[in-house]
Amino acid sequence: MAWKRVVTEMGMGTSIRSGDYTRAAVRALRDALWHNSLSVTRALGMDVDSMYVEVYIGVPQPDAVDTAQILAVLPHGTGEVKVVQGGLEIPSEDGTSKTIIANAAAVVKLDLPA
């Protein structure tokens, strides 16, 4: 058996005024996941919780993301979160706040025969 990629989902999320990198990242992952219904596990006779999900988050300040909150978004299976430099930060006109745009990719893997 070997872990094989079966699905890659992508999403985008924002934190409009609060400058909250974790909030933007959570929204990006939800955007990636909530538009899909994965039936591949059932089609293969596997439990839906048998999937392993690698979550990649891109934000301007990776250290500002709480990865435990990101991992808590996954409805099934187990996984890990990798936060990298990316996304976008847009300051307000008066400089008192910023909009954060985060990108997310969820790579779903199943343990399948080699």
N, C-alpha and C. Protein backbone atom coordinates (compact mmCIF):
# COMPACT_ATOMS: atom_id res chain seq x y z
N MET A 1 0.85 -1.18 0.00
CA MET A 1 0.00 0.00 0.00
C MET A 1 0.89 1.25 0.00
N ALA A 2 0.37 2.30 -0.63
CA ALA A 2 1.11 3.56 -0.70
C ALA A 2 0.12 4.72 -0.75
N TRP A 3 0.49 5.84 -0.12
CA TRP A 3 -0.37 7.02 -0.16
C TRP A 3 -0.29 7.64 -1.55
N LYS A 4 -1.47 7.77 -2.19
CA LYS A 4 -1.53 8.32 -3.54
C LYS A 4 -2.50 9.51 -3.57
N ARG A 5 -2.09 10.54 -4.29
CA ARG A 5 -2.93 11.72 -4.45
C ARG A 5 -4.12 11.37 -5.32
N VAL A 6 -5.33 11.67 -4.84
CA VAL A 6 -6.52 11.39 -5.62
C VAL A 6 -7.32 12.65 -5.95
N VAL A 7 -7.13 13.71 -5.18
CA VAL A 7 -7.87 14.95 -5.40
C VAL A 7 -7.00 16.12 -4.96
N THR A 8 -7.06 17.22 -5.72
CA THR A 8 -6.48 18.49 -5.30
C THR A 8 -7.56 19.54 -5.42
N GLU A 9 -7.84 20.22 -4.31
CA GLU A 9 -8.87 21.25 -4.28
C GLU A 9 -8.21 22.58 -3.93
N MET A 10 -8.69 23.68 -4.53
CA MET A 10 -8.11 24.99 -4.30
C MET A 10 -9.16 25.99 -3.89
N GLY A 11 -8.77 26.95 -3.04
CA GLY A 11 -9.71 27.97 -2.60
C GLY A 11 -9.02 29.27 -2.24
N MET A 12 -9.84 30.29 -2.02
CA MET A 12 -9.37 31.61 -1.66
C MET A 12 -10.25 32.14 -0.54
N GLY A 13 -9.63 32.82 0.43
CA GLY A 13 -10.40 33.39 1.53
C GLY A 13 -9.84 34.74 1.91
N THR A 14 -10.69 35.54 2.56
CA THR A 14 -10.27 36.90 2.93
C THR A 14 -10.59 37.21 4.39
N SER A 15 -9.88 38.17 4.89
CA SER A 15 -10.19 38.86 6.14
C SER A 15 -10.22 40.32 5.73
N ILE A 16 -11.41 40.85 5.57
CA ILE A 16 -11.57 42.17 4.93
C ILE A 16 -11.00 43.33 5.75
N ARG A 17 -11.31 43.42 7.03
CA ARG A 17 -10.86 44.57 7.80
C ARG A 17 -10.00 44.24 9.01
N SER A 18 -10.09 43.04 9.51
CA SER A 18 -9.41 42.74 10.78
C SER A 18 -7.94 42.37 10.61
N GLY A 19 -7.50 42.07 9.40
CA GLY A 19 -6.11 41.68 9.20
C GLY A 19 -5.77 40.36 9.86
N ASP A 20 -6.76 39.48 9.96
CA ASP A 20 -6.59 38.19 10.64
C ASP A 20 -6.18 37.11 9.63
N TYR A 21 -4.92 36.72 9.68
CA TYR A 21 -4.38 35.75 8.73
C TYR A 21 -5.02 34.38 8.89
N THR A 22 -5.28 33.99 10.13
CA THR A 22 -5.92 32.69 10.36
C THR A 22 -7.34 32.68 9.82
N ARG A 23 -8.08 33.74 10.04
CA ARG A 23 -9.46 33.81 9.53
C ARG A 23 -9.47 33.70 8.00
N ALA A 24 -8.58 34.40 7.34
CA ALA A 24 -8.49 34.33 5.88
C ALA A 24 -8.13 32.91 5.43
N ALA A 25 -7.21 32.28 6.15
CA ALA A 25 -6.78 30.92 5.79
C ALA A 25 -7.90 29.90 6.00
N VAL A 26 -8.63 30.02 7.09
CA VAL A 26 -9.78 29.13 7.35
C VAL A 26 -10.80 29.29 6.23
N ARG A 27 -11.08 30.51 5.86
CA ARG A 27 -12.06 30.75 4.79
C ARG A 27 -11.57 30.19 3.45
N ALA A 28 -10.27 30.27 3.20
CA ALA A 28 -9.72 29.73 1.96
C ALA A 28 -9.87 28.21 1.92
N LEU A 29 -9.59 27.54 3.03
CA LEU A 29 -9.74 26.09 3.06
C LEU A 29 -11.21 25.69 2.93
N ARG A 30 -12.08 26.41 3.61
CA ARG A 30 -13.52 26.12 3.48
C ARG A 30 -13.97 26.30 2.03
N ASP A 31 -13.47 27.34 1.38
CA ASP A 31 -13.81 27.56 -0.03
C ASP A 31 -13.38 26.37 -0.88
N ALA A 32 -12.22 25.83 -0.59
CA ALA A 32 -11.72 24.67 -1.34
C ALA A 32 -12.56 23.43 -1.08
N LEU A 33 -12.94 23.22 0.17
CA LEU A 33 -13.62 21.98 0.55
C LEU A 33 -15.13 21.99 0.37
N TRP A 34 -15.77 23.10 0.62
CA TRP A 34 -17.23 23.14 0.70
C TRP A 34 -17.93 23.15 -0.65
N HIS A 35 -17.18 23.11 -1.75
CA HIS A 35 -17.80 23.03 -3.06
C HIS A 35 -17.67 21.64 -3.66
N ASN A 36 -17.32 20.68 -2.83
CA ASN A 36 -17.07 19.33 -3.33
C ASN A 36 -17.74 18.29 -2.44
N SER A 37 -18.02 17.17 -3.03
CA SER A 37 -18.48 16.01 -2.28
C SER A 37 -17.67 14.83 -2.79
N LEU A 38 -16.72 14.40 -2.00
CA LEU A 38 -15.82 13.34 -2.44
C LEU A 38 -16.48 11.98 -2.22
N SER A 39 -16.73 11.29 -3.30
CA SER A 39 -17.31 9.95 -3.20
C SER A 39 -16.29 8.87 -3.53
N VAL A 40 -15.04 9.27 -3.73
CA VAL A 40 -14.02 8.31 -4.12
C VAL A 40 -13.79 7.26 -3.05
N THR A 41 -13.86 7.64 -1.77
CA THR A 41 -13.63 6.63 -0.72
C THR A 41 -14.73 5.58 -0.73
N ARG A 42 -15.96 6.02 -0.85
CA ARG A 42 -17.08 5.06 -0.89
C ARG A 42 -17.00 4.18 -2.14
N ALA A 43 -16.60 4.77 -3.26
CA ALA A 43 -16.49 4.00 -4.50
C ALA A 43 -15.43 2.91 -4.38
N LEU A 44 -14.44 3.15 -3.55
CA LEU A 44 -13.38 2.17 -3.35
C LEU A 44 -13.62 1.28 -2.13
N GLY A 45 -14.78 1.46 -1.50
CA GLY A 45 -15.10 0.65 -0.32
C GLY A 45 -14.30 1.03 0.91
N MET A 46 -13.85 2.29 0.96
CA MET A 46 -13.04 2.76 2.08
C MET A 46 -13.86 3.69 2.96
N ASP A 47 -13.48 3.78 4.22
CA ASP A 47 -14.10 4.71 5.15
C ASP A 47 -13.68 6.13 4.78
N VAL A 48 -14.60 7.07 4.86
CA VAL A 48 -14.31 8.45 4.50
C VAL A 48 -13.22 9.05 5.39
N ASP A 49 -13.07 8.53 6.60
CA ASP A 49 -12.04 9.04 7.50
C ASP A 49 -10.67 8.43 7.24
N SER A 50 -10.56 7.58 6.23
CA SER A 50 -9.27 6.98 5.90
C SER A 50 -8.40 7.91 5.06
N MET A 51 -8.94 9.04 4.63
CA MET A 51 -8.16 9.95 3.80
C MET A 51 -7.17 10.76 4.64
N TYR A 52 -6.08 11.14 3.99
CA TYR A 52 -5.06 12.00 4.59
C TYR A 52 -5.01 13.25 3.74
N VAL A 53 -5.08 14.42 4.37
CA VAL A 53 -5.15 15.67 3.62
C VAL A 53 -3.95 16.55 3.96
N GLU A 54 -3.21 16.90 2.93
CA GLU A 54 -2.13 17.87 3.07
C GLU A 54 -2.70 19.23 2.69
N VAL A 55 -2.72 20.15 3.65
CA VAL A 55 -3.27 21.49 3.42
C VAL A 55 -2.11 22.46 3.26
N TYR A 56 -2.13 23.20 2.18
CA TYR A 56 -1.13 24.23 1.93
C TYR A 56 -1.85 25.58 1.98
N ILE A 57 -1.32 26.50 2.77
CA ILE A 57 -1.89 27.83 2.91
C ILE A 57 -0.83 28.84 2.49
N GLY A 58 -1.22 29.81 1.66
CA GLY A 58 -0.32 30.89 1.27
C GLY A 58 -0.84 32.21 1.80
N VAL A 59 -0.07 32.86 2.66
CA VAL A 59 -0.40 34.18 3.21
C VAL A 59 0.88 35.00 3.31
N PRO A 60 0.77 36.34 3.35
CA PRO A 60 1.96 37.18 3.44
C PRO A 60 2.79 36.96 4.70
N GLN A 61 2.15 36.60 5.81
CA GLN A 61 2.87 36.38 7.07
C GLN A 61 2.55 34.98 7.59
N PRO A 62 3.25 33.96 7.11
CA PRO A 62 2.96 32.58 7.49
C PRO A 62 2.97 32.31 8.99
N ASP A 63 3.83 32.97 9.74
CA ASP A 63 3.91 32.74 11.18
C ASP A 63 2.68 33.24 11.94
N ALA A 64 1.84 34.03 11.29
CA ALA A 64 0.65 34.59 11.94
C ALA A 64 -0.55 33.65 11.85
N VAL A 65 -0.40 32.47 11.27
CA VAL A 65 -1.51 31.53 11.09
C VAL A 65 -1.48 30.45 12.17
N ASP A 66 -2.62 30.24 12.80
CA ASP A 66 -2.79 29.18 13.79
C ASP A 66 -3.16 27.90 13.04
N THR A 67 -2.21 27.01 12.87
CA THR A 67 -2.44 25.81 12.06
C THR A 67 -3.46 24.86 12.69
N ALA A 68 -3.61 24.89 14.01
CA ALA A 68 -4.61 24.03 14.67
C ALA A 68 -6.02 24.42 14.22
N GLN A 69 -6.28 25.70 14.05
CA GLN A 69 -7.59 26.14 13.56
C GLN A 69 -7.83 25.70 12.13
N ILE A 70 -6.78 25.69 11.32
CA ILE A 70 -6.90 25.25 9.93
C ILE A 70 -7.22 23.76 9.90
N LEU A 71 -6.49 22.97 10.66
CA LEU A 71 -6.69 21.52 10.69
C LEU A 71 -8.08 21.16 11.19
N ALA A 72 -8.63 21.97 12.08
CA ALA A 72 -9.97 21.72 12.63
C ALA A 72 -11.07 21.86 11.58
N VAL A 73 -10.77 22.49 10.46
CA VAL A 73 -11.75 22.65 9.38
C VAL A 73 -12.02 21.34 8.65
N LEU A 74 -11.04 20.44 8.62
CA LEU A 74 -11.21 19.19 7.87
C LEU A 74 -12.38 18.38 8.41
N PRO A 75 -13.37 18.07 7.56
CA PRO A 75 -14.55 17.33 8.03
C PRO A 75 -14.29 15.83 8.18
N HIS A 76 -13.29 15.32 7.49
CA HIS A 76 -13.00 13.88 7.52
C HIS A 76 -11.50 13.65 7.45
N GLY A 77 -11.08 12.50 7.95
CA GLY A 77 -9.69 12.10 7.84
C GLY A 77 -8.77 12.84 8.77
N THR A 78 -7.49 12.67 8.50
CA THR A 78 -6.45 13.36 9.26
C THR A 78 -5.61 14.15 8.27
N GLY A 79 -4.71 14.96 8.79
CA GLY A 79 -3.88 15.72 7.87
C GLY A 79 -2.83 16.54 8.55
N GLU A 80 -2.23 17.39 7.74
CA GLU A 80 -1.21 18.31 8.21
C GLU A 80 -1.37 19.62 7.45
N VAL A 81 -0.86 20.70 8.05
CA VAL A 81 -0.95 22.03 7.45
C VAL A 81 0.45 22.58 7.25
N LYS A 82 0.70 23.07 6.04
CA LYS A 82 1.95 23.74 5.71
C LYS A 82 1.61 25.16 5.27
N VAL A 83 2.14 26.15 5.98
CA VAL A 83 1.86 27.54 5.65
C VAL A 83 3.11 28.13 5.00
N VAL A 84 2.90 28.75 3.84
CA VAL A 84 4.01 29.30 3.07
C VAL A 84 3.75 30.76 2.72
N GLN A 85 4.79 31.43 2.29
CA GLN A 85 4.67 32.81 1.84
C GLN A 85 3.79 32.86 0.59
N GLY A 86 2.81 33.74 0.57
CA GLY A 86 1.93 33.87 -0.58
C GLY A 86 0.79 34.82 -0.26
N GLY A 87 -0.30 34.67 -1.00
CA GLY A 87 -1.46 35.51 -0.75
C GLY A 87 -1.21 36.97 -1.06
N LEU A 88 -1.98 37.82 -0.38
CA LEU A 88 -1.91 39.26 -0.65
C LEU A 88 -2.34 40.03 0.58
N GLU A 89 -1.73 41.17 0.80
CA GLU A 89 -2.08 42.07 1.90
C GLU A 89 -2.32 43.45 1.30
N ILE A 90 -3.51 44.01 1.55
CA ILE A 90 -3.86 45.32 0.97
C ILE A 90 -4.15 46.28 2.12
N PRO A 91 -3.31 47.31 2.32
CA PRO A 91 -3.56 48.27 3.40
C PRO A 91 -4.75 49.17 3.07
N SER A 92 -5.46 49.60 4.11
CA SER A 92 -6.56 50.55 3.91
C SER A 92 -5.96 51.91 3.53
N GLU A 93 -6.80 52.79 3.02
CA GLU A 93 -6.32 54.11 2.60
C GLU A 93 -5.71 54.89 3.75
N ASP A 94 -6.31 54.77 4.92
CA ASP A 94 -5.80 55.53 6.07
C ASP A 94 -4.73 54.78 6.85
N GLY A 95 -4.42 53.53 6.44
CA GLY A 95 -3.37 52.77 7.08
C GLY A 95 -3.72 52.16 8.42
N THR A 96 -5.00 52.18 8.78
CA THR A 96 -5.38 51.66 10.09
C THR A 96 -5.78 50.19 10.07
N SER A 97 -5.97 49.65 8.90
CA SER A 97 -6.34 48.23 8.80
C SER A 97 -5.80 47.67 7.49
N LYS A 98 -6.04 46.37 7.30
CA LYS A 98 -5.59 45.75 6.05
C LYS A 98 -6.51 44.60 5.71
N THR A 99 -6.59 44.32 4.42
CA THR A 99 -7.33 43.16 3.93
C THR A 99 -6.31 42.07 3.61
N ILE A 100 -6.59 40.87 4.10
CA ILE A 100 -5.72 39.73 3.85
C ILE A 100 -6.42 38.79 2.88
N ILE A 101 -5.70 38.35 1.87
CA ILE A 101 -6.20 37.33 0.95
C ILE A 101 -5.30 36.11 1.08
N ALA A 102 -5.91 34.98 1.40
CA ALA A 102 -5.17 33.73 1.57
C ALA A 102 -5.56 32.75 0.47
N ASN A 103 -4.62 31.94 0.06
CA ASN A 103 -4.88 30.86 -0.89
C ASN A 103 -4.70 29.54 -0.16
N ALA A 104 -5.51 28.56 -0.54
CA ALA A 104 -5.42 27.22 0.07
C ALA A 104 -5.46 26.15 -1.00
N ALA A 105 -4.73 25.08 -0.74
CA ALA A 105 -4.82 23.86 -1.56
C ALA A 105 -4.94 22.70 -0.60
N ALA A 106 -5.89 21.84 -0.86
CA ALA A 106 -6.07 20.62 -0.07
C ALA A 106 -5.77 19.44 -0.98
N VAL A 107 -4.73 18.70 -0.66
CA VAL A 107 -4.31 17.54 -1.43
C VAL A 107 -4.78 16.30 -0.67
N VAL A 108 -5.76 15.62 -1.24
CA VAL A 108 -6.36 14.45 -0.59
C VAL A 108 -5.63 13.19 -1.07
N LYS A 109 -5.20 12.38 -0.10
CA LYS A 109 -4.48 11.15 -0.43
C LYS A 109 -5.18 9.96 0.21
N LEU A 110 -5.11 8.81 -0.48
CA LEU A 110 -5.63 7.56 0.04
C LEU A 110 -4.53 6.52 0.01
N ASP A 111 -4.57 5.61 0.96
CA ASP A 111 -3.60 4.52 1.02
C ASP A 111 -4.11 3.41 0.09
N LEU A 112 -3.52 3.33 -1.10
CA LEU A 112 -3.97 2.41 -2.14
C LEU A 112 -2.88 1.43 -2.52
N PRO A 113 -3.27 0.32 -3.14
CA PRO A 113 -2.25 -0.63 -3.57
C PRO A 113 -1.26 0.01 -4.53
N ALA A 114 -0.01 -0.32 -4.39
CA ALA A 114 1.05 0.27 -5.22
C ALA A 114 0.96 -0.16 -6.66
